[in-house]
């Protein structure tokens, strides 16, 4: 799951895969703004065939947090 999320980040957000770990902070480490986040979430939703409720993103800080959310929603 983490690897798929990382691959989507690399292609969508143009970040280096080597810099992304489970503890990478989306905002401070990757400098993702709200527009980037919308685009990224949309790509993840399309890839996994899920819907990610906006309110579920409020507590998400790291790539690992996001991967855990996607895994939970993908069951």
PDB file of N, CA and C in Angstrom:
ATOM      1  N   UNK A   1       0.828  -1.192   0.000  1.00  0.00           N
ATOM      2  CA  UNK A   1       0.000   0.000   0.000  1.00  0.00           C
ATOM      3  C   UNK A   1       0.873   1.256   0.000  1.00  0.00           C
ATOM      4  N   UNK A   2       1.862   1.290   0.893  1.00  0.00           N
ATOM      5  CA  UNK A   2       2.734   2.464   0.977  1.00  0.00           C
ATOM      6  C   UNK A   2       3.420   2.728  -0.358  1.00  0.00           C
ATOM      7  N   UNK A   3       3.910   1.667  -0.995  1.00  0.00           N
ATOM      8  CA  UNK A   3       4.629   1.830  -2.258  1.00  0.00           C
ATOM      9  C   UNK A   3       3.730   2.409  -3.344  1.00  0.00           C
ATOM     10  N   UNK A   4       2.478   1.958  -3.385  1.00  0.00           N
ATOM     11  CA  UNK A   4       1.536   2.487  -4.371  1.00  0.00           C
ATOM     12  C   UNK A   4       1.257   3.972  -4.117  1.00  0.00           C
ATOM     13  N   UNK A   5       1.064   4.317  -2.847  1.00  0.00           N
ATOM     14  CA  UNK A   5       0.836   5.721  -2.485  1.00  0.00           C
ATOM     15  C   UNK A   5       2.050   6.560  -2.881  1.00  0.00           C
ATOM     16  N   UNK A   6       3.237   6.057  -2.571  1.00  0.00           N
ATOM     17  CA  UNK A   6       4.471   6.774  -2.918  1.00  0.00           C
ATOM     18  C   UNK A   6       4.576   6.968  -4.434  1.00  0.00           C
ATOM     19  N   UNK A   7       4.268   5.939  -5.210  1.00  0.00           N
ATOM     20  CA  UNK A   7       4.347   6.039  -6.666  1.00  0.00           C
ATOM     21  C   UNK A   7       3.372   7.088  -7.209  1.00  0.00           C
ATOM     22  N   UNK A   8       2.183   7.154  -6.620  1.00  0.00           N
ATOM     23  CA  UNK A   8       1.204   8.166  -7.038  1.00  0.00           C
ATOM     24  C   UNK A   8       1.709   9.553  -6.679  1.00  0.00           C
ATOM     25  N   UNK A   9       2.337   9.686  -5.513  1.00  0.00           N
ATOM     26  CA  UNK A   9       2.906  10.981  -5.110  1.00  0.00           C
ATOM     27  C   UNK A   9       3.980  11.426  -6.092  1.00  0.00           C
ATOM     28  N   UNK A  10       4.835  10.502  -6.460  1.00  0.00           N
ATOM     29  CA  UNK A  10       5.934  10.827  -7.374  1.00  0.00           C
ATOM     30  C   UNK A  10       5.386  11.314  -8.715  1.00  0.00           C
ATOM     31  N   UNK A  11       4.392  10.619  -9.249  1.00  0.00           N
ATOM     32  CA  UNK A  11       3.873  11.006 -10.562  1.00  0.00           C
ATOM     33  C   UNK A  11       2.976  12.245 -10.512  1.00  0.00           C
ATOM     34  N   UNK A  12       2.249  12.416  -9.422  1.00  0.00           N
ATOM     35  CA  UNK A  12       1.306  13.531  -9.316  1.00  0.00           C
ATOM     36  C   UNK A  12       1.960  14.811  -8.817  1.00  0.00           C
ATOM     37  N   UNK A  13       2.832  14.680  -7.823  1.00  0.00           N
ATOM     38  CA  UNK A  13       3.384  15.848  -7.150  1.00  0.00           C
ATOM     39  C   UNK A  13       4.818  16.160  -7.545  1.00  0.00           C
ATOM     40  N   UNK A  14       5.385  15.331  -8.417  1.00  0.00           N
ATOM     41  CA  UNK A  14       6.749  15.542  -8.897  1.00  0.00           C
ATOM     42  C   UNK A  14       7.745  15.665  -7.743  1.00  0.00           C
ATOM     43  N   UNK A  15       7.701  14.659  -6.856  1.00  0.00           N
ATOM     44  CA  UNK A  15       8.656  14.590  -5.754  1.00  0.00           C
ATOM     45  C   UNK A  15       9.545  13.371  -5.957  1.00  0.00           C
ATOM     46  N   UNK A  16      10.685  13.368  -5.313  1.00  0.00           N
ATOM     47  CA  UNK A  16      11.654  12.286  -5.422  1.00  0.00           C
ATOM     48  C   UNK A  16      11.234  11.128  -4.520  1.00  0.00           C
ATOM     49  N   UNK A  17      11.102   9.941  -5.082  1.00  0.00           N
ATOM     50  CA  UNK A  17      10.668   8.767  -4.323  1.00  0.00           C
ATOM     51  C   UNK A  17      11.584   8.472  -3.145  1.00  0.00           C
ATOM     52  N   UNK A  18      12.863   8.759  -3.289  1.00  0.00           N
ATOM     53  CA  UNK A  18      13.819   8.476  -2.225  1.00  0.00           C
ATOM     54  C   UNK A  18      13.608   9.344  -0.982  1.00  0.00           C
ATOM     55  N   UNK A  19      12.893  10.445  -1.128  1.00  0.00           N
ATOM     56  CA  UNK A  19      12.654  11.332   0.012  1.00  0.00           C
ATOM     57  C   UNK A  19      11.378  10.980   0.769  1.00  0.00           C
ATOM     58  N   UNK A  20      10.613  10.016   0.262  1.00  0.00           N
ATOM     59  CA  UNK A  20       9.321   9.693   0.864  1.00  0.00           C
ATOM     60  C   UNK A  20       9.428   8.439   1.724  1.00  0.00           C
ATOM     61  N   UNK A  21       9.140   8.609   3.009  1.00  0.00           N
ATOM     62  CA  UNK A  21       9.060   7.492   3.951  1.00  0.00           C
ATOM     63  C   UNK A  21       7.702   7.571   4.636  1.00  0.00           C
ATOM     64  N   UNK A  22       7.412   6.597   5.470  1.00  0.00           N
ATOM     65  CA  UNK A  22       6.139   6.605   6.190  1.00  0.00           C
ATOM     66  C   UNK A  22       6.023   7.801   7.123  1.00  0.00           C
ATOM     67  N   UNK A  23       7.156   8.331   7.573  1.00  0.00           N
ATOM     68  CA  UNK A  23       7.122   9.457   8.513  1.00  0.00           C
ATOM     69  C   UNK A  23       7.276  10.821   7.836  1.00  0.00           C
ATOM     70  N   UNK A  24       7.335  10.828   6.515  1.00  0.00           N
ATOM     71  CA  UNK A  24       7.433  12.088   5.781  1.00  0.00           C
ATOM     72  C   UNK A  24       6.159  12.899   5.983  1.00  0.00           C
ATOM     73  N   UNK A  25       6.309  14.136   6.430  1.00  0.00           N
ATOM     74  CA  UNK A  25       5.163  15.009   6.658  1.00  0.00           C
ATOM     75  C   UNK A  25       4.727  15.616   5.322  1.00  0.00           C
ATOM     76  N   UNK A  26       3.436  15.505   5.052  1.00  0.00           N
ATOM     77  CA  UNK A  26       2.901  15.973   3.769  1.00  0.00           C
ATOM     78  C   UNK A  26       3.099  17.473   3.559  1.00  0.00           C
ATOM     79  N   UNK A  27       2.888  18.234   4.594  1.00  0.00           N
ATOM     80  CA  UNK A  27       2.940  19.690   4.438  1.00  0.00           C
ATOM     81  C   UNK A  27       4.347  20.262   4.617  1.00  0.00           C
ATOM     82  N   UNK A  28       5.021  19.862   5.684  1.00  0.00           N
ATOM     83  CA  UNK A  28       6.317  20.479   5.960  1.00  0.00           C
ATOM     84  C   UNK A  28       7.465  19.864   5.163  1.00  0.00           C
ATOM     85  N   UNK A  29       7.439  18.553   4.972  1.00  0.00           N
ATOM     86  CA  UNK A  29       8.536  17.911   4.243  1.00  0.00           C
ATOM     87  C   UNK A  29       8.352  17.970   2.728  1.00  0.00           C
ATOM     88  N   UNK A  30       7.108  17.825   2.279  1.00  0.00           N
ATOM     89  CA  UNK A  30       6.849  17.801   0.833  1.00  0.00           C
ATOM     90  C   UNK A  30       6.267  19.104   0.313  1.00  0.00           C
ATOM     91  N   UNK A  31       5.955  20.019   1.227  1.00  0.00           N
ATOM     92  CA  UNK A  31       5.423  21.330   0.852  1.00  0.00           C
ATOM     93  C   UNK A  31       4.189  21.216  -0.046  1.00  0.00           C
ATOM     94  N   UNK A  32       3.268  20.322   0.343  1.00  0.00           N
ATOM     95  CA  UNK A  32       2.033  20.117  -0.412  1.00  0.00           C
ATOM     96  C   UNK A  32       1.021  21.181   0.008  1.00  0.00           C
ATOM     97  N   UNK A  33       0.525  21.936  -0.951  1.00  0.00           N
ATOM     98  CA  UNK A  33      -0.514  22.913  -0.639  1.00  0.00           C
ATOM     99  C   UNK A  33      -1.886  22.281  -0.889  1.00  0.00           C
ATOM    100  N   UNK A  34      -2.935  23.023  -0.647  1.00  0.00           N
ATOM    101  CA  UNK A  34      -4.287  22.461  -0.739  1.00  0.00           C
ATOM    102  C   UNK A  34      -4.632  22.015  -2.157  1.00  0.00           C
ATOM    103  N   UNK A  35      -4.166  22.730  -3.153  1.00  0.00           N
ATOM    104  CA  UNK A  35      -4.431  22.340  -4.537  1.00  0.00           C
ATOM    105  C   UNK A  35      -3.717  21.037  -4.887  1.00  0.00           C
ATOM    106  N   UNK A  36      -2.459  20.909  -4.456  1.00  0.00           N
ATOM    107  CA  UNK A  36      -1.720  19.664  -4.659  1.00  0.00           C
ATOM    108  C   UNK A  36      -2.433  18.501  -3.974  1.00  0.00           C
ATOM    109  N   UNK A  37      -2.915  18.743  -2.767  1.00  0.00           N
ATOM    110  CA  UNK A  37      -3.577  17.692  -2.006  1.00  0.00           C
ATOM    111  C   UNK A  37      -4.842  17.217  -2.713  1.00  0.00           C
ATOM    112  N   UNK A  38      -5.616  18.133  -3.246  1.00  0.00           N
ATOM    113  CA  UNK A  38      -6.834  17.770  -3.972  1.00  0.00           C
ATOM    114  C   UNK A  38      -6.492  16.900  -5.177  1.00  0.00           C
ATOM    115  N   UNK A  39      -5.483  17.292  -5.922  1.00  0.00           N
ATOM    116  CA  UNK A  39      -5.071  16.523  -7.093  1.00  0.00           C
ATOM    117  C   UNK A  39      -4.567  15.133  -6.688  1.00  0.00           C
ATOM    118  N   UNK A  40      -3.762  15.076  -5.644  1.00  0.00           N
ATOM    119  CA  UNK A  40      -3.219  13.814  -5.167  1.00  0.00           C
ATOM    120  C   UNK A  40      -4.334  12.889  -4.675  1.00  0.00           C
ATOM    121  N   UNK A  41      -5.244  13.410  -3.856  1.00  0.00           N
ATOM    122  CA  UNK A  41      -6.348  12.604  -3.335  1.00  0.00           C
ATOM    123  C   UNK A  41      -7.203  12.079  -4.480  1.00  0.00           C
ATOM    124  N   UNK A  42      -7.445  12.898  -5.475  1.00  0.00           N
ATOM    125  CA  UNK A  42      -8.226  12.474  -6.631  1.00  0.00           C
ATOM    126  C   UNK A  42      -7.552  11.307  -7.362  1.00  0.00           C
ATOM    127  N   UNK A  43      -6.246  11.387  -7.529  1.00  0.00           N
ATOM    128  CA  UNK A  43      -5.499  10.302  -8.170  1.00  0.00           C
ATOM    129  C   UNK A  43      -5.574   9.016  -7.348  1.00  0.00           C
ATOM    130  N   UNK A  44      -5.455   9.146  -6.033  1.00  0.00           N
ATOM    131  CA  UNK A  44      -5.535   7.975  -5.152  1.00  0.00           C
ATOM    132  C   UNK A  44      -6.928   7.354  -5.224  1.00  0.00           C
ATOM    133  N   UNK A  45      -7.960   8.201  -5.196  1.00  0.00           N
ATOM    134  CA  UNK A  45      -9.332   7.700  -5.297  1.00  0.00           C
ATOM    135  C   UNK A  45      -9.538   6.933  -6.602  1.00  0.00           C
ATOM    136  N   UNK A  46      -9.054   7.476  -7.695  1.00  0.00           N
ATOM    137  CA  UNK A  46      -9.182   6.811  -8.991  1.00  0.00           C
ATOM    138  C   UNK A  46      -8.414   5.493  -9.016  1.00  0.00           C
ATOM    139  N   UNK A  47      -7.211   5.509  -8.480  1.00  0.00           N
ATOM    140  CA  UNK A  47      -6.353   4.322  -8.491  1.00  0.00           C
ATOM    141  C   UNK A  47      -6.970   3.167  -7.702  1.00  0.00           C
ATOM    142  N   UNK A  48      -7.500   3.470  -6.523  1.00  0.00           N
ATOM    143  CA  UNK A  48      -8.028   2.424  -5.656  1.00  0.00           C
ATOM    144  C   UNK A  48      -9.540   2.230  -5.772  1.00  0.00           C
ATOM    145  N   UNK A  49     -10.217   3.101  -6.505  1.00  0.00           N
ATOM    146  CA  UNK A  49     -11.666   2.986  -6.658  1.00  0.00           C
ATOM    147  C   UNK A  49     -12.404   3.245  -5.353  1.00  0.00           C
ATOM    148  N   UNK A  50     -11.935   4.248  -4.609  1.00  0.00           N
ATOM    149  CA  UNK A  50     -12.538   4.595  -3.320  1.00  0.00           C
ATOM    150  C   UNK A  50     -12.873   6.081  -3.291  1.00  0.00           C
ATOM    151  N   UNK A  51     -13.645   6.460  -2.287  1.00  0.00           N
ATOM    152  CA  UNK A  51     -13.903   7.868  -2.016  1.00  0.00           C
ATOM    153  C   UNK A  51     -13.298   8.182  -0.652  1.00  0.00           C
ATOM    154  N   UNK A  52     -12.524   9.261  -0.595  1.00  0.00           N
ATOM    155  CA  UNK A  52     -11.906   9.675   0.663  1.00  0.00           C
ATOM    156  C   UNK A  52     -12.661  10.909   1.160  1.00  0.00           C
ATOM    157  N   UNK A  53     -13.432  10.747   2.247  1.00  0.00           N
ATOM    158  CA  UNK A  53     -14.181  11.890   2.779  1.00  0.00           C
ATOM    159  C   UNK A  53     -13.231  13.019   3.205  1.00  0.00           C
ATOM    160  N   UNK A  54     -13.591  14.227   2.877  1.00  0.00           N
ATOM    161  CA  UNK A  54     -12.761  15.393   3.191  1.00  0.00           C
ATOM    162  C   UNK A  54     -12.444  15.478   4.683  1.00  0.00           C
ATOM    163  N   UNK A  55     -13.433  15.172   5.516  1.00  0.00           N
ATOM    164  CA  UNK A  55     -13.209  15.292   6.962  1.00  0.00           C
ATOM    165  C   UNK A  55     -12.226  14.241   7.494  1.00  0.00           C
ATOM    166  N   UNK A  56     -12.026  13.165   6.772  1.00  0.00           N
ATOM    167  CA  UNK A  56     -11.074  12.146   7.226  1.00  0.00           C
ATOM    168  C   UNK A  56      -9.633  12.571   7.011  1.00  0.00           C
ATOM    169  N   UNK A  57      -9.411  13.629   6.230  1.00  0.00           N
ATOM    170  CA  UNK A  57      -8.058  14.116   5.964  1.00  0.00           C
ATOM    171  C   UNK A  57      -7.539  15.061   7.048  1.00  0.00           C
ATOM    172  N   UNK A  58      -8.420  15.511   7.923  1.00  0.00           N
ATOM    173  CA  UNK A  58      -8.047  16.516   8.915  1.00  0.00           C
ATOM    174  C   UNK A  58      -6.907  16.080   9.831  1.00  0.00           C
ATOM    175  N   UNK A  59      -6.860  14.825  10.222  1.00  0.00           N
ATOM    176  CA  UNK A  59      -5.826  14.371  11.137  1.00  0.00           C
ATOM    177  C   UNK A  59      -4.607  13.778  10.445  1.00  0.00           C
ATOM    178  N   UNK A  60      -4.615  13.781   9.135  1.00  0.00           N
ATOM    179  CA  UNK A  60      -3.529  13.170   8.364  1.00  0.00           C
ATOM    180  C   UNK A  60      -2.347  14.127   8.285  1.00  0.00           C
ATOM    181  N   UNK A  61      -1.189  13.654   8.760  1.00  0.00           N
ATOM    182  CA  UNK A  61       0.004  14.490   8.710  1.00  0.00           C
ATOM    183  C   UNK A  61       1.126  13.857   7.906  1.00  0.00           C
ATOM    184  N   UNK A  62       1.247  12.531   7.979  1.00  0.00           N
ATOM    185  CA  UNK A  62       2.363  11.865   7.317  1.00  0.00           C
ATOM    186  C   UNK A  62       1.884  10.975   6.177  1.00  0.00           C
ATOM    187  N   UNK A  63       2.816  10.559   5.354  1.00  0.00           N
ATOM    188  CA  UNK A  63       2.499   9.632   4.270  1.00  0.00           C
ATOM    189  C   UNK A  63       1.974   8.327   4.856  1.00  0.00           C
ATOM    190  N   UNK A  64       2.549   7.890   5.969  1.00  0.00           N
ATOM    191  CA  UNK A  64       2.076   6.680   6.628  1.00  0.00           C
ATOM    192  C   UNK A  64       0.642   6.803   7.117  1.00  0.00           C
ATOM    193  N   UNK A  65       0.299   7.963   7.676  1.00  0.00           N
ATOM    194  CA  UNK A  65      -1.089   8.215   8.103  1.00  0.00           C
ATOM    195  C   UNK A  65      -2.032   8.093   6.908  1.00  0.00           C
ATOM    196  N   UNK A  66      -1.625   8.679   5.791  1.00  0.00           N
ATOM    197  CA  UNK A  66      -2.464   8.660   4.598  1.00  0.00           C
ATOM    198  C   UNK A  66      -2.605   7.238   4.064  1.00  0.00           C
ATOM    199  N   UNK A  67      -1.507   6.488   4.040  1.00  0.00           N
ATOM    200  CA  UNK A  67      -1.559   5.090   3.569  1.00  0.00           C
ATOM    201  C   UNK A  67      -2.466   4.255   4.468  1.00  0.00           C
ATOM    202  N   UNK A  68      -2.415   4.474   5.779  1.00  0.00           N
ATOM    203  CA  UNK A  68      -3.280   3.758   6.702  1.00  0.00           C
ATOM    204  C   UNK A  68      -4.754   4.075   6.427  1.00  0.00           C
ATOM    205  N   UNK A  69      -5.062   5.345   6.165  1.00  0.00           N
ATOM    206  CA  UNK A  69      -6.421   5.746   5.842  1.00  0.00           C
ATOM    207  C   UNK A  69      -6.906   5.055   4.574  1.00  0.00           C
ATOM    208  N   UNK A  70      -6.073   5.070   3.546  1.00  0.00           N
ATOM    209  CA  UNK A  70      -6.452   4.440   2.274  1.00  0.00           C
ATOM    210  C   UNK A  70      -6.671   2.941   2.463  1.00  0.00           C
ATOM    211  N   UNK A  71      -5.793   2.311   3.223  1.00  0.00           N
ATOM    212  CA  UNK A  71      -5.951   0.879   3.481  1.00  0.00           C
ATOM    213  C   UNK A  71      -7.264   0.587   4.201  1.00  0.00           C
ATOM    214  N   UNK A  72      -7.602   1.408   5.175  1.00  0.00           N
ATOM    215  CA  UNK A  72      -8.852   1.249   5.922  1.00  0.00           C
ATOM    216  C   UNK A  72     -10.073   1.418   5.001  1.00  0.00           C
ATOM    217  N   UNK A  73     -10.025   2.408   4.122  1.00  0.00           N
ATOM    218  CA  UNK A  73     -11.136   2.675   3.219  1.00  0.00           C
ATOM    219  C   UNK A  73     -11.221   1.672   2.071  1.00  0.00           C
ATOM    220  N   UNK A  74     -10.128   1.000   1.787  1.00  0.00           N
ATOM    221  CA  UNK A  74     -10.050   0.090   0.659  1.00  0.00           C
ATOM    222  C   UNK A  74     -10.517  -1.324   1.009  1.00  0.00           C
ATOM    223  N   UNK A  75     -10.914  -1.557   2.239  1.00  0.00           N
ATOM    224  CA  UNK A  75     -11.354  -2.895   2.652  1.00  0.00           C
ATOM    225  C   UNK A  75     -12.769  -3.164   2.256  1.00  0.00           C
TER     226      UNK A  75
END
